Amino acid sequence: GLANVPLSSLEKPIREIDVGYPAQSDTLAAAKQLSSTRALVVVINPFEEKEYIVNNFISPTLLTKQIASLTKGLYFGYKTGFISSNFTVDSFIQILDEINILAHKYRKS
């Protein structure tokens, strides 16, 4: 969710959200371009936090949700517990299984 390096070139800029940070703007522009490919995009945010925009800076959570929205992809946000001492390989496999089920349903629609 932290876009901190602007891209050197993009085909078309995006102005759907007034973003004052070039790296975030470029990230959204790249997501918009990716949407035309019909590729399934799955965004996993292991540190979901409050959404905010301060001085045209988009919070990492809002940025990742915008990526999923622009690409018509899937968003999975985890407030706590995704990465913790209780996090196991089995719980990660369960998450991947859930994503695969949703991705399969998404492809059929």
PDB file of N, CA and C in Angstrom:
ATOM      1  N   GLY A   1       0.781  -1.195   0.000  1.00  0.00           N
ATOM      2  CA  GLY A   1       0.000   0.000   0.000  1.00  0.00           C
ATOM      3  C   GLY A   1       0.829   1.268   0.000  1.00  0.00           C
ATOM      4  N   LEU A   2       2.145   1.150   0.171  1.00  0.00           N
ATOM      5  CA  LEU A   2       2.978   2.354   0.152  1.00  0.00           C
ATOM      6  C   LEU A   2       3.614   2.500  -1.223  1.00  0.00           C
ATOM      7  N   ALA A   3       3.046   3.373  -2.024  1.00  0.00           N
ATOM      8  CA  ALA A   3       3.619   3.664  -3.336  1.00  0.00           C
ATOM      9  C   ALA A   3       4.579   4.824  -3.145  1.00  0.00           C
ATOM     10  N   ASN A   4       5.860   4.569  -3.342  1.00  0.00           N
ATOM     11  CA  ASN A   4       6.823   5.632  -3.048  1.00  0.00           C
ATOM     12  C   ASN A   4       7.787   5.946  -4.180  1.00  0.00           C
ATOM     13  N   VAL A   5       7.648   5.272  -5.320  1.00  0.00           N
ATOM     14  CA  VAL A   5       8.535   5.545  -6.447  1.00  0.00           C
ATOM     15  C   VAL A   5       7.676   5.789  -7.683  1.00  0.00           C
ATOM     16  N   PRO A   6       7.705   7.003  -8.233  1.00  0.00           N
ATOM     17  CA  PRO A   6       6.915   7.259  -9.435  1.00  0.00           C
ATOM     18  C   PRO A   6       7.459   6.464 -10.618  1.00  0.00           C
ATOM     19  N   LEU A   7       6.570   6.108 -11.536  1.00  0.00           N
ATOM     20  CA  LEU A   7       6.977   5.381 -12.734  1.00  0.00           C
ATOM     21  C   LEU A   7       7.584   6.358 -13.731  1.00  0.00           C
ATOM     22  N   SER A   8       8.475   5.851 -14.574  1.00  0.00           N
ATOM     23  CA  SER A   8       9.147   6.741 -15.521  1.00  0.00           C
ATOM     24  C   SER A   8       8.231   7.141 -16.670  1.00  0.00           C
ATOM     25  N   SER A   9       7.275   6.270 -17.028  1.00  0.00           N
ATOM     26  CA  SER A   9       6.355   6.641 -18.105  1.00  0.00           C
ATOM     27  C   SER A   9       5.062   5.854 -17.982  1.00  0.00           C
ATOM     28  N   LEU A  10       4.003   6.484 -18.408  1.00  0.00           N
ATOM     29  CA  LEU A  10       2.687   5.863 -18.461  1.00  0.00           C
ATOM     30  C   LEU A  10       2.023   6.305 -19.751  1.00  0.00           C
ATOM     31  N   GLU A  11       1.165   5.433 -20.303  1.00  0.00           N
ATOM     32  CA  GLU A  11       0.465   5.803 -21.528  1.00  0.00           C
ATOM     33  C   GLU A  11      -0.482   6.970 -21.296  1.00  0.00           C
ATOM     34  N   LYS A  12      -1.288   6.877 -20.222  1.00  0.00           N
ATOM     35  CA  LYS A  12      -2.277   7.912 -19.939  1.00  0.00           C
ATOM     36  C   LYS A  12      -2.296   8.202 -18.444  1.00  0.00           C
ATOM     37  N   PRO A  13      -2.290   9.449 -18.065  1.00  0.00           N
ATOM     38  CA  PRO A  13      -2.443   9.756 -16.634  1.00  0.00           C
ATOM     39  C   PRO A  13      -3.890   9.547 -16.208  1.00  0.00           C
ATOM     40  N   ILE A  14      -4.115   9.380 -14.935  1.00  0.00           N
ATOM     41  CA  ILE A  14      -5.463   9.209 -14.398  1.00  0.00           C
ATOM     42  C   ILE A  14      -5.745  10.352 -13.437  1.00  0.00           C
ATOM     43  N   ARG A  15      -6.934  10.875 -13.504  1.00  0.00           N
ATOM     44  CA  ARG A  15      -7.284  11.995 -12.635  1.00  0.00           C
ATOM     45  C   ARG A  15      -8.585  11.720 -11.881  1.00  0.00           C
ATOM     46  N   GLU A  16      -8.923  10.451 -11.661  1.00  0.00           N
ATOM     47  CA  GLU A  16     -10.164  10.129 -10.955  1.00  0.00           C
ATOM     48  C   GLU A  16     -10.104  10.551  -9.495  1.00  0.00           C
ATOM     49  N   ILE A  17      -8.918  10.569  -8.907  1.00  0.00           N
ATOM     50  CA  ILE A  17      -8.731  11.032  -7.540  1.00  0.00           C
ATOM     51  C   ILE A  17      -7.606  12.051  -7.575  1.00  0.00           C
ATOM     52  N   ASP A  18      -7.817  13.168  -6.918  1.00  0.00           N
ATOM     53  CA  ASP A  18      -6.778  14.194  -6.867  1.00  0.00           C
ATOM     54  C   ASP A  18      -5.697  13.744  -5.896  1.00  0.00           C
ATOM     55  N   VAL A  19      -4.629  13.212  -6.435  1.00  0.00           N
ATOM     56  CA  VAL A  19      -3.540  12.686  -5.620  1.00  0.00           C
ATOM     57  C   VAL A  19      -2.325  13.578  -5.822  1.00  0.00           C
ATOM     58  N   GLY A  20      -1.790  14.075  -4.740  1.00  0.00           N
ATOM     59  CA  GLY A  20      -0.656  14.975  -4.822  1.00  0.00           C
ATOM     60  C   GLY A  20       0.688  14.278  -4.861  1.00  0.00           C
ATOM     61  N   TYR A  21       0.697  12.959  -4.719  1.00  0.00           N
ATOM     62  CA  TYR A  21       1.950  12.210  -4.697  1.00  0.00           C
ATOM     63  C   TYR A  21       2.090  11.424  -5.996  1.00  0.00           C
ATOM     64  N   PRO A  22       3.126  11.727  -6.798  1.00  0.00           N
ATOM     65  CA  PRO A  22       3.274  11.093  -8.104  1.00  0.00           C
ATOM     66  C   PRO A  22       3.280   9.565  -8.058  1.00  0.00           C
ATOM     67  N   ALA A  23       3.904   8.970  -7.064  1.00  0.00           N
ATOM     68  CA  ALA A  23       3.961   7.507  -6.999  1.00  0.00           C
ATOM     69  C   ALA A  23       2.560   6.918  -6.824  1.00  0.00           C
ATOM     70  N   GLN A  24       1.729   7.548  -5.998  1.00  0.00           N
ATOM     71  CA  GLN A  24       0.363   7.056  -5.820  1.00  0.00           C
ATOM     72  C   GLN A  24      -0.458   7.279  -7.085  1.00  0.00           C
ATOM     73  N   SER A  25      -0.295   8.419  -7.709  1.00  0.00           N
ATOM     74  CA  SER A  25      -0.998   8.705  -8.953  1.00  0.00           C
ATOM     75  C   SER A  25      -0.609   7.698 -10.034  1.00  0.00           C
ATOM     76  N   ASP A  26       0.679   7.406 -10.142  1.00  0.00           N
ATOM     77  CA  ASP A  26       1.158   6.435 -11.127  1.00  0.00           C
ATOM     78  C   ASP A  26       0.634   5.036 -10.829  1.00  0.00           C
ATOM     79  N   THR A  27       0.549   4.689  -9.558  1.00  0.00           N
ATOM     80  CA  THR A  27       0.017   3.379  -9.174  1.00  0.00           C
ATOM     81  C   THR A  27      -1.427   3.241  -9.633  1.00  0.00           C
ATOM     82  N   LEU A  28      -2.226   4.277  -9.418  1.00  0.00           N
ATOM     83  CA  LEU A  28      -3.624   4.242  -9.846  1.00  0.00           C
ATOM     84  C   LEU A  28      -3.736   4.226 -11.370  1.00  0.00           C
ATOM     85  N   ALA A  29      -2.855   4.956 -12.049  1.00  0.00           N
ATOM     86  CA  ALA A  29      -2.859   4.954 -13.510  1.00  0.00           C
ATOM     87  C   ALA A  29      -2.513   3.572 -14.053  1.00  0.00           C
ATOM     88  N   ALA A  30      -1.529   2.925 -13.453  1.00  0.00           N
ATOM     89  CA  ALA A  30      -1.152   1.573 -13.878  1.00  0.00           C
ATOM     90  C   ALA A  30      -2.296   0.594 -13.623  1.00  0.00           C
ATOM     91  N   ALA A  31      -2.989   0.746 -12.504  1.00  0.00           N
ATOM     92  CA  ALA A  31      -4.140  -0.118 -12.206  1.00  0.00           C
ATOM     93  C   ALA A  31      -5.235   0.084 -13.244  1.00  0.00           C
ATOM     94  N   LYS A  32      -5.489   1.326 -13.616  1.00  0.00           N
ATOM     95  CA  LYS A  32      -6.506   1.629 -14.631  1.00  0.00           C
ATOM     96  C   LYS A  32      -6.134   0.988 -15.960  1.00  0.00           C
ATOM     97  N   GLN A  33      -4.866   1.057 -16.337  1.00  0.00           N
ATOM     98  CA  GLN A  33      -4.423   0.434 -17.582  1.00  0.00           C
ATOM     99  C   GLN A  33      -4.549  -1.080 -17.506  1.00  0.00           C
ATOM    100  N   LEU A  34      -4.239  -1.643 -16.363  1.00  0.00           N
ATOM    101  CA  LEU A  34      -4.344  -3.091 -16.176  1.00  0.00           C
ATOM    102  C   LEU A  34      -5.788  -3.562 -16.307  1.00  0.00           C
ATOM    103  N   SER A  35      -6.733  -2.712 -15.969  1.00  0.00           N
ATOM    104  CA  SER A  35      -8.143  -3.108 -16.017  1.00  0.00           C
ATOM    105  C   SER A  35      -8.591  -3.474 -17.429  1.00  0.00           C
ATOM    106  N   SER A  36      -7.959  -2.924 -18.433  1.00  0.00           N
ATOM    107  CA  SER A  36      -8.351  -3.228 -19.812  1.00  0.00           C
ATOM    108  C   SER A  36      -7.881  -4.607 -20.268  1.00  0.00           C
ATOM    109  N   THR A  37      -7.021  -5.254 -19.503  1.00  0.00           N
ATOM    110  CA  THR A  37      -6.507  -6.569 -19.897  1.00  0.00           C
ATOM    111  C   THR A  37      -7.399  -7.714 -19.442  1.00  0.00           C
ATOM    112  N   ARG A  38      -8.365  -7.435 -18.574  1.00  0.00           N
ATOM    113  CA  ARG A  38      -9.250  -8.436 -17.980  1.00  0.00           C
ATOM    114  C   ARG A  38      -8.486  -9.468 -17.145  1.00  0.00           C
ATOM    115  N   ALA A  39      -7.296  -9.128 -16.710  1.00  0.00           N
ATOM    116  CA  ALA A  39      -6.545  -9.999 -15.801  1.00  0.00           C
ATOM    117  C   ALA A  39      -7.204  -9.940 -14.428  1.00  0.00           C
ATOM    118  N   LEU A  40      -7.243 -11.059 -13.755  1.00  0.00           N
ATOM    119  CA  LEU A  40      -7.792 -11.082 -12.405  1.00  0.00           C
ATOM    120  C   LEU A  40      -6.742 -10.529 -11.449  1.00  0.00           C
ATOM    121  N   VAL A  41      -7.095  -9.486 -10.754  1.00  0.00           N
ATOM    122  CA  VAL A  41      -6.190  -8.859  -9.793  1.00  0.00           C
ATOM    123  C   VAL A  41      -6.695  -9.168  -8.392  1.00  0.00           C
ATOM    124  N   VAL A  42      -5.815  -9.713  -7.567  1.00  0.00           N
ATOM    125  CA  VAL A  42      -6.140 -10.002  -6.174  1.00  0.00           C
ATOM    126  C   VAL A  42      -5.224  -9.144  -5.313  1.00  0.00           C
ATOM    127  N   VAL A  43      -5.830  -8.275  -4.519  1.00  0.00           N
ATOM    128  CA  VAL A  43      -5.076  -7.378  -3.647  1.00  0.00           C
ATOM    129  C   VAL A  43      -5.202  -7.896  -2.222  1.00  0.00           C
ATOM    130  N   ILE A  44      -4.072  -8.193  -1.597  1.00  0.00           N
ATOM    131  CA  ILE A  44      -4.061  -8.651  -0.206  1.00  0.00           C
ATOM    132  C   ILE A  44      -3.367  -7.583   0.629  1.00  0.00           C
ATOM    133  N   ASN A  45      -4.114  -7.038   1.565  1.00  0.00           N
ATOM    134  CA  ASN A  45      -3.575  -6.011   2.453  1.00  0.00           C
ATOM    135  C   ASN A  45      -3.470  -6.609   3.852  1.00  0.00           C
ATOM    136  N   PRO A  46      -2.271  -6.996   4.276  1.00  0.00           N
ATOM    137  CA  PRO A  46      -2.119  -7.643   5.584  1.00  0.00           C
ATOM    138  C   PRO A  46      -2.169  -6.674   6.761  1.00  0.00           C
ATOM    139  N   PHE A  47      -2.203  -5.377   6.480  1.00  0.00           N
ATOM    140  CA  PHE A  47      -2.213  -4.374   7.558  1.00  0.00           C
ATOM    141  C   PHE A  47      -3.307  -3.341   7.316  1.00  0.00           C
ATOM    142  N   GLU A  48      -4.543  -3.809   7.197  1.00  0.00           N
ATOM    143  CA  GLU A  48      -5.640  -2.876   6.938  1.00  0.00           C
ATOM    144  C   GLU A  48      -5.786  -1.900   8.097  1.00  0.00           C
ATOM    145  N   GLU A  49      -5.899  -0.634   7.733  1.00  0.00           N
ATOM    146  CA  GLU A  49      -6.007   0.424   8.729  1.00  0.00           C
ATOM    147  C   GLU A  49      -7.113   1.382   8.308  1.00  0.00           C
ATOM    148  N   LYS A  50      -7.274   2.439   9.057  1.00  0.00           N
ATOM    149  CA  LYS A  50      -8.272   3.452   8.746  1.00  0.00           C
ATOM    150  C   LYS A  50      -7.953   4.093   7.397  1.00  0.00           C
ATOM    151  N   GLU A  51      -9.012   4.351   6.624  1.00  0.00           N
ATOM    152  CA  GLU A  51      -8.840   5.034   5.345  1.00  0.00           C
ATOM    153  C   GLU A  51      -8.834   6.538   5.578  1.00  0.00           C
ATOM    154  N   TYR A  52      -7.939   7.225   4.894  1.00  0.00           N
ATOM    155  CA  TYR A  52      -7.894   8.678   5.017  1.00  0.00           C
ATOM    156  C   TYR A  52      -7.189   9.284   3.812  1.00  0.00           C
ATOM    157  N   ILE A  53      -7.456  10.546   3.613  1.00  0.00           N
ATOM    158  CA  ILE A  53      -6.715  11.356   2.646  1.00  0.00           C
ATOM    159  C   ILE A  53      -6.297  12.613   3.389  1.00  0.00           C
ATOM    160  N   VAL A  54      -4.997  12.836   3.501  1.00  0.00           N
ATOM    161  CA  VAL A  54      -4.462  14.010   4.182  1.00  0.00           C
ATOM    162  C   VAL A  54      -3.499  14.705   3.227  1.00  0.00           C
ATOM    163  N   ASN A  55      -3.778  15.963   2.944  1.00  0.00           N
ATOM    164  CA  ASN A  55      -2.927  16.731   2.019  1.00  0.00           C
ATOM    165  C   ASN A  55      -2.691  15.973   0.720  1.00  0.00           C
ATOM    166  N   ASN A  56      -3.757  15.394   0.182  1.00  0.00           N
ATOM    167  CA  ASN A  56      -3.730  14.618  -1.063  1.00  0.00           C
ATOM    168  C   ASN A  56      -2.885  13.350  -0.978  1.00  0.00           C
ATOM    169  N   PHE A  57      -2.557  12.896   0.220  1.00  0.00           N
ATOM    170  CA  PHE A  57      -1.879  11.606   0.410  1.00  0.00           C
ATOM    171  C   PHE A  57      -2.949  10.588   0.789  1.00  0.00           C
ATOM    172  N   ILE A  58      -3.037   9.517   0.017  1.00  0.00           N
ATOM    173  CA  ILE A  58      -4.032   8.474   0.253  1.00  0.00           C
ATOM    174  C   ILE A  58      -3.433   7.441   1.195  1.00  0.00           C
ATOM    175  N   SER A  59      -4.209   7.024   2.196  1.00  0.00           N
ATOM    176  CA  SER A  59      -3.716   5.989   3.108  1.00  0.00           C
ATOM    177  C   SER A  59      -3.435   4.711   2.324  1.00  0.00           C
ATOM    178  N   PRO A  60      -2.494   3.890   2.790  1.00  0.00           N
ATOM    179  CA  PRO A  60      -2.198   2.635   2.103  1.00  0.00           C
ATOM    180  C   PRO A  60      -3.440   1.755   1.915  1.00  0.00           C
ATOM    181  N   THR A  61      -4.320   1.730   2.910  1.00  0.00           N
ATOM    182  CA  THR A  61      -5.534   0.917   2.788  1.00  0.00           C
ATOM    183  C   THR A  61      -6.436   1.452   1.687  1.00  0.00           C
ATOM    184  N   LEU A  62      -6.639   2.744   1.644  1.00  0.00           N
ATOM    185  CA  LEU A  62      -7.475   3.322   0.593  1.00  0.00           C
ATOM    186  C   LEU A  62      -6.840   3.114  -0.776  1.00  0.00           C
ATOM    187  N   LEU A  63      -5.530   3.239  -0.868  1.00  0.00           N
ATOM    188  CA  LEU A  63      -4.839   3.024  -2.139  1.00  0.00           C
ATOM    189  C   LEU A  63      -5.035   1.592  -2.625  1.00  0.00           C
ATOM    190  N   THR A  64      -4.875   0.612  -1.747  1.00  0.00           N
ATOM    191  CA  THR A  64      -5.039  -0.782  -2.170  1.00  0.00           C
ATOM    192  C   THR A  64      -6.487  -1.075  -2.550  1.00  0.00           C
ATOM    193  N   LYS A  65      -7.444  -0.466  -1.858  1.00  0.00           N
ATOM    194  CA  LYS A  65      -8.856  -0.649  -2.228  1.00  0.00           C
ATOM    195  C   LYS A  65      -9.149  -0.014  -3.585  1.00  0.00           C
ATOM    196  N   GLN A  66      -8.520   1.132  -3.861  1.00  0.00           N
ATOM    197  CA  GLN A  66      -8.693   1.778  -5.159  1.00  0.00           C
ATOM    198  C   GLN A  66      -8.119   0.911  -6.283  1.00  0.00           C
ATOM    199  N   ILE A  67      -6.987   0.270  -6.021  1.00  0.00           N
ATOM    200  CA  ILE A  67      -6.397  -0.627  -7.021  1.00  0.00           C
ATOM    201  C   ILE A  67      -7.378  -1.749  -7.346  1.00  0.00           C
ATOM    202  N   ALA A  68      -7.932  -2.370  -6.323  1.00  0.00           N
ATOM    203  CA  ALA A  68      -8.901  -3.447  -6.539  1.00  0.00           C
ATOM    204  C   ALA A  68     -10.131  -2.931  -7.281  1.00  0.00           C
ATOM    205  N   SER A  69     -10.596  -1.766  -6.924  1.00  0.00           N
ATOM    206  CA  SER A  69     -11.781  -1.195  -7.565  1.00  0.00           C
ATOM    207  C   SER A  69     -11.524  -0.868  -9.038  1.00  0.00           C
ATOM    208  N   LEU A  70     -10.422  -0.208  -9.322  1.00  0.00           N
ATOM    209  CA  LEU A  70     -10.109   0.174 -10.701  1.00  0.00           C
ATOM    210  C   LEU A  70      -9.912  -1.031 -11.606  1.00  0.00           C
ATOM    211  N   THR A  71      -9.360  -2.109 -11.064  1.00  0.00           N
ATOM    212  CA  THR A  71      -9.102  -3.303 -11.872  1.00  0.00           C
ATOM    213  C   THR A  71     -10.265  -4.286 -11.838  1.00  0.00           C
ATOM    214  N   LYS A  72     -11.324  -3.935 -11.089  1.00  0.00           N
ATOM    215  CA  LYS A  72     -12.455  -4.840 -10.871  1.00  0.00           C
ATOM    216  C   LYS A  72     -11.958  -6.156 -10.287  1.00  0.00           C
ATOM    217  N   GLY A  73     -10.995  -6.027  -9.392  1.00  0.00           N
ATOM    218  CA  GLY A  73     -10.370  -7.189  -8.770  1.00  0.00           C
ATOM    219  C   GLY A  73     -10.955  -7.509  -7.414  1.00  0.00           C
ATOM    220  N   LEU A  74     -10.271  -8.366  -6.713  1.00  0.00           N
ATOM    221  CA  LEU A  74     -10.689  -8.803  -5.386  1.00  0.00           C
ATOM    222  C   LEU A  74      -9.790  -8.160  -4.341  1.00  0.00           C
ATOM    223  N   TYR A  75     -10.392  -7.733  -3.246  1.00  0.00           N
ATOM    224  CA  TYR A  75      -9.642  -7.106  -2.158  1.00  0.00           C
ATOM    225  C   TYR A  75      -9.838  -7.921  -0.887  1.00  0.00           C
ATOM    226  N   PHE A  76      -8.736  -8.223  -0.225  1.00  0.00           N
ATOM    227  CA  PHE A  76      -8.770  -8.898   1.065  1.00  0.00           C
ATOM    228  C   PHE A  76      -7.950  -8.065   2.037  1.00  0.00           C
ATOM    229  N   GLY A  77      -8.614  -7.527   3.042  1.00  0.00           N
ATOM    230  CA  GLY A  77      -7.935  -6.725   4.046  1.00  0.00           C
ATOM    231  C   GLY A  77      -8.011  -7.399   5.397  1.00  0.00           C
ATOM    232  N   TYR A  78      -6.910  -7.402   6.102  1.00  0.00           N
ATOM    233  CA  TYR A  78      -6.825  -8.046   7.416  1.00  0.00           C
ATOM    234  C   TYR A  78      -6.358  -7.011   8.426  1.00  0.00           C
ATOM    235  N   LYS A  79      -7.232  -6.722   9.379  1.00  0.00           N
ATOM    236  CA  LYS A  79      -6.910  -5.703  10.382  1.00  0.00           C
ATOM    237  C   LYS A  79      -5.809  -6.176  11.328  1.00  0.00           C
ATOM    238  N   THR A  80      -5.973  -7.347  11.889  1.00  0.00           N
ATOM    239  CA  THR A  80      -4.945  -7.911  12.771  1.00  0.00           C
ATOM    240  C   THR A  80      -4.965  -9.415  12.605  1.00  0.00           C
ATOM    241  N   GLY A  81      -3.903 -10.034  12.998  1.00  0.00           N
ATOM    242  CA  GLY A  81      -3.873 -11.487  12.997  1.00  0.00           C
ATOM    243  C   GLY A  81      -3.364 -12.124  11.725  1.00  0.00           C
ATOM    244  N   PHE A  82      -3.279 -11.361  10.627  1.00  0.00           N
ATOM    245  CA  PHE A  82      -2.774 -11.959   9.395  1.00  0.00           C
ATOM    246  C   PHE A  82      -1.316 -12.347   9.574  1.00  0.00           C
ATOM    247  N   ILE A  83      -0.563 -11.438  10.134  1.00  0.00           N
ATOM    248  CA  ILE A  83       0.840 -11.728  10.425  1.00  0.00           C
ATOM    249  C   ILE A  83       1.010 -11.548  11.930  1.00  0.00           C
ATOM    250  N   SER A  84       1.099 -12.637  12.622  1.00  0.00           N
ATOM    251  CA  SER A  84       1.252 -12.596  14.077  1.00  0.00           C
ATOM    252  C   SER A  84       1.890 -13.896  14.525  1.00  0.00           C
ATOM    253  N   SER A  85       2.085 -14.023  15.807  1.00  0.00           N
ATOM    254  CA  SER A  85       2.674 -15.261  16.324  1.00  0.00           C
ATOM    255  C   SER A  85       1.732 -16.443  16.126  1.00  0.00           C
ATOM    256  N   ASN A  86       0.429 -16.167  15.961  1.00  0.00           N
ATOM    257  CA  ASN A  86      -0.546 -17.237  15.739  1.00  0.00           C
ATOM    258  C   ASN A  86      -0.705 -17.590  14.266  1.00  0.00           C
ATOM    259  N   PHE A  87      -0.074 -16.838  13.400  1.00  0.00           N
ATOM    260  CA  PHE A  87      -0.201 -17.068  11.970  1.00  0.00           C
ATOM    261  C   PHE A  87       0.608 -18.304  11.589  1.00  0.00           C
ATOM    262  N   THR A  88      -0.044 -19.254  10.932  1.00  0.00           N
ATOM    263  CA  THR A  88       0.613 -20.512  10.576  1.00  0.00           C
ATOM    264  C   THR A  88       0.517 -20.754   9.078  1.00  0.00           C
ATOM    265  N   VAL A  89       1.251 -21.732   8.624  1.00  0.00           N
ATOM    266  CA  VAL A  89       1.171 -22.133   7.223  1.00  0.00           C
ATOM    267  C   VAL A  89      -0.245 -22.593   6.902  1.00  0.00           C
ATOM    268  N   ASP A  90      -0.865 -23.321   7.823  1.00  0.00           N
ATOM    269  CA  ASP A  90      -2.236 -23.794   7.599  1.00  0.00           C
ATOM    270  C   ASP A  90      -3.217 -22.637   7.428  1.00  0.00           C
ATOM    271  N   SER A  91      -3.075 -21.599   8.252  1.00  0.00           N
ATOM    272  CA  SER A  91      -3.991 -20.462   8.114  1.00  0.00           C
ATOM    273  C   SER A  91      -3.743 -19.720   6.803  1.00  0.00           C
ATOM    274  N   PHE A  92      -2.495 -19.658   6.357  1.00  0.00           N
ATOM    275  CA  PHE A  92      -2.190 -19.029   5.079  1.00  0.00           C
ATOM    276  C   PHE A  92      -2.779 -19.843   3.933  1.00  0.00           C
ATOM    277  N   ILE A  93      -2.677 -21.154   4.004  1.00  0.00           N
ATOM    278  CA  ILE A  93      -3.256 -22.020   2.970  1.00  0.00           C
ATOM    279  C   ILE A  93      -4.769 -21.852   2.935  1.00  0.00           C
ATOM    280  N   GLN A  94      -5.389 -21.718   4.095  1.00  0.00           N
ATOM    281  CA  GLN A  94      -6.832 -21.493   4.147  1.00  0.00           C
ATOM    282  C   GLN A  94      -7.203 -20.183   3.439  1.00  0.00           C
ATOM    283  N   ILE A  95      -6.430 -19.148   3.669  1.00  0.00           N
ATOM    284  CA  ILE A  95      -6.676 -17.869   2.998  1.00  0.00           C
ATOM    285  C   ILE A  95      -6.532 -18.030   1.486  1.00  0.00           C
ATOM    286  N   LEU A  96      -5.489 -18.716   1.041  1.00  0.00           N
ATOM    287  CA  LEU A  96      -5.298 -18.934  -0.392  1.00  0.00           C
ATOM    288  C   LEU A  96      -6.432 -19.750  -0.988  1.00  0.00           C
ATOM    289  N   ASP A  97      -6.918 -20.749  -0.256  1.00  0.00           N
ATOM    290  CA  ASP A  97      -8.065 -21.534  -0.723  1.00  0.00           C
ATOM    291  C   ASP A  97      -9.289 -20.643  -0.916  1.00  0.00           C
ATOM    292  N   GLU A  98      -9.542 -19.761   0.039  1.00  0.00           N
ATOM    293  CA  GLU A  98     -10.677 -18.844  -0.067  1.00  0.00           C
ATOM    294  C   GLU A  98     -10.519 -17.920  -1.275  1.00  0.00           C
ATOM    295  N   ILE A  99      -9.312 -17.448  -1.501  1.00  0.00           N
ATOM    296  CA  ILE A  99      -9.056 -16.590  -2.658  1.00  0.00           C
ATOM    297  C   ILE A  99      -9.294 -17.363  -3.946  1.00  0.00           C
ATOM    298  N   ASN A 100      -8.829 -18.607  -4.016  1.00  0.00           N
ATOM    299  CA  ASN A 100      -9.028 -19.415  -5.217  1.00  0.00           C
ATOM    300  C   ASN A 100     -10.501 -19.664  -5.494  1.00  0.00           C
ATOM    301  N   ILE A 101     -11.286 -19.908  -4.453  1.00  0.00           N
ATOM    302  CA  ILE A 101     -12.729 -20.115  -4.621  1.00  0.00           C
ATOM    303  C   ILE A 101     -13.371 -18.852  -5.186  1.00  0.00           C
ATOM    304  N   LEU A 102     -13.044 -17.708  -4.598  1.00  0.00           N
ATOM    305  CA  LEU A 102     -13.602 -16.445  -5.090  1.00  0.00           C
ATOM    306  C   LEU A 102     -13.116 -16.126  -6.503  1.00  0.00           C
ATOM    307  N   ALA A 103     -11.862 -16.407  -6.787  1.00  0.00           N
ATOM    308  CA  ALA A 103     -11.324 -16.153  -8.123  1.00  0.00           C
ATOM    309  C   ALA A 103     -12.033 -17.019  -9.153  1.00  0.00           C
ATOM    310  N   HIS A 104     -12.322 -18.261  -8.809  1.00  0.00           N
ATOM    311  CA  HIS A 104     -13.039 -19.162  -9.716  1.00  0.00           C
ATOM    312  C   HIS A 104     -14.441 -18.614  -9.996  1.00  0.00           C
ATOM    313  N   LYS A 105     -15.135 -18.156  -8.966  1.00  0.00           N
ATOM    314  CA  LYS A 105     -16.464 -17.561  -9.142  1.00  0.00           C
ATOM    315  C   LYS A 105     -16.374 -16.297  -9.992  1.00  0.00           C
ATOM    316  N   TYR A 106     -15.336 -15.512  -9.764  1.00  0.00           N
ATOM    317  CA  TYR A 106     -15.146 -14.263 -10.497  1.00  0.00           C
ATOM    318  C   TYR A 106     -14.958 -14.537 -11.983  1.00  0.00           C
ATOM    319  N   ARG A 107     -14.180 -15.532 -12.312  1.00  0.00           N
ATOM    320  CA  ARG A 107     -13.909 -15.848 -13.720  1.00  0.00           C
ATOM    321  C   ARG A 107     -15.162 -16.317 -14.443  1.00  0.00           C
ATOM    322  N   LYS A 108     -16.076 -16.967 -13.724  1.00  0.00           N
ATOM    323  CA  LYS A 108     -17.308 -17.456 -14.342  1.00  0.00           C
ATOM    324  C   LYS A 108     -18.291 -16.328 -14.628  1.00  0.00           C
ATOM    325  N   SER A 109     -18.168 -15.225 -13.913  1.00  0.00           N
ATOM    326  CA  SER A 109     -19.140 -14.130 -14.096  1.00  0.00           C
ATOM    327  C   SER A 109     -18.783 -13.249 -15.268  1.00  0.00           C
TER     328      SER A 109
END
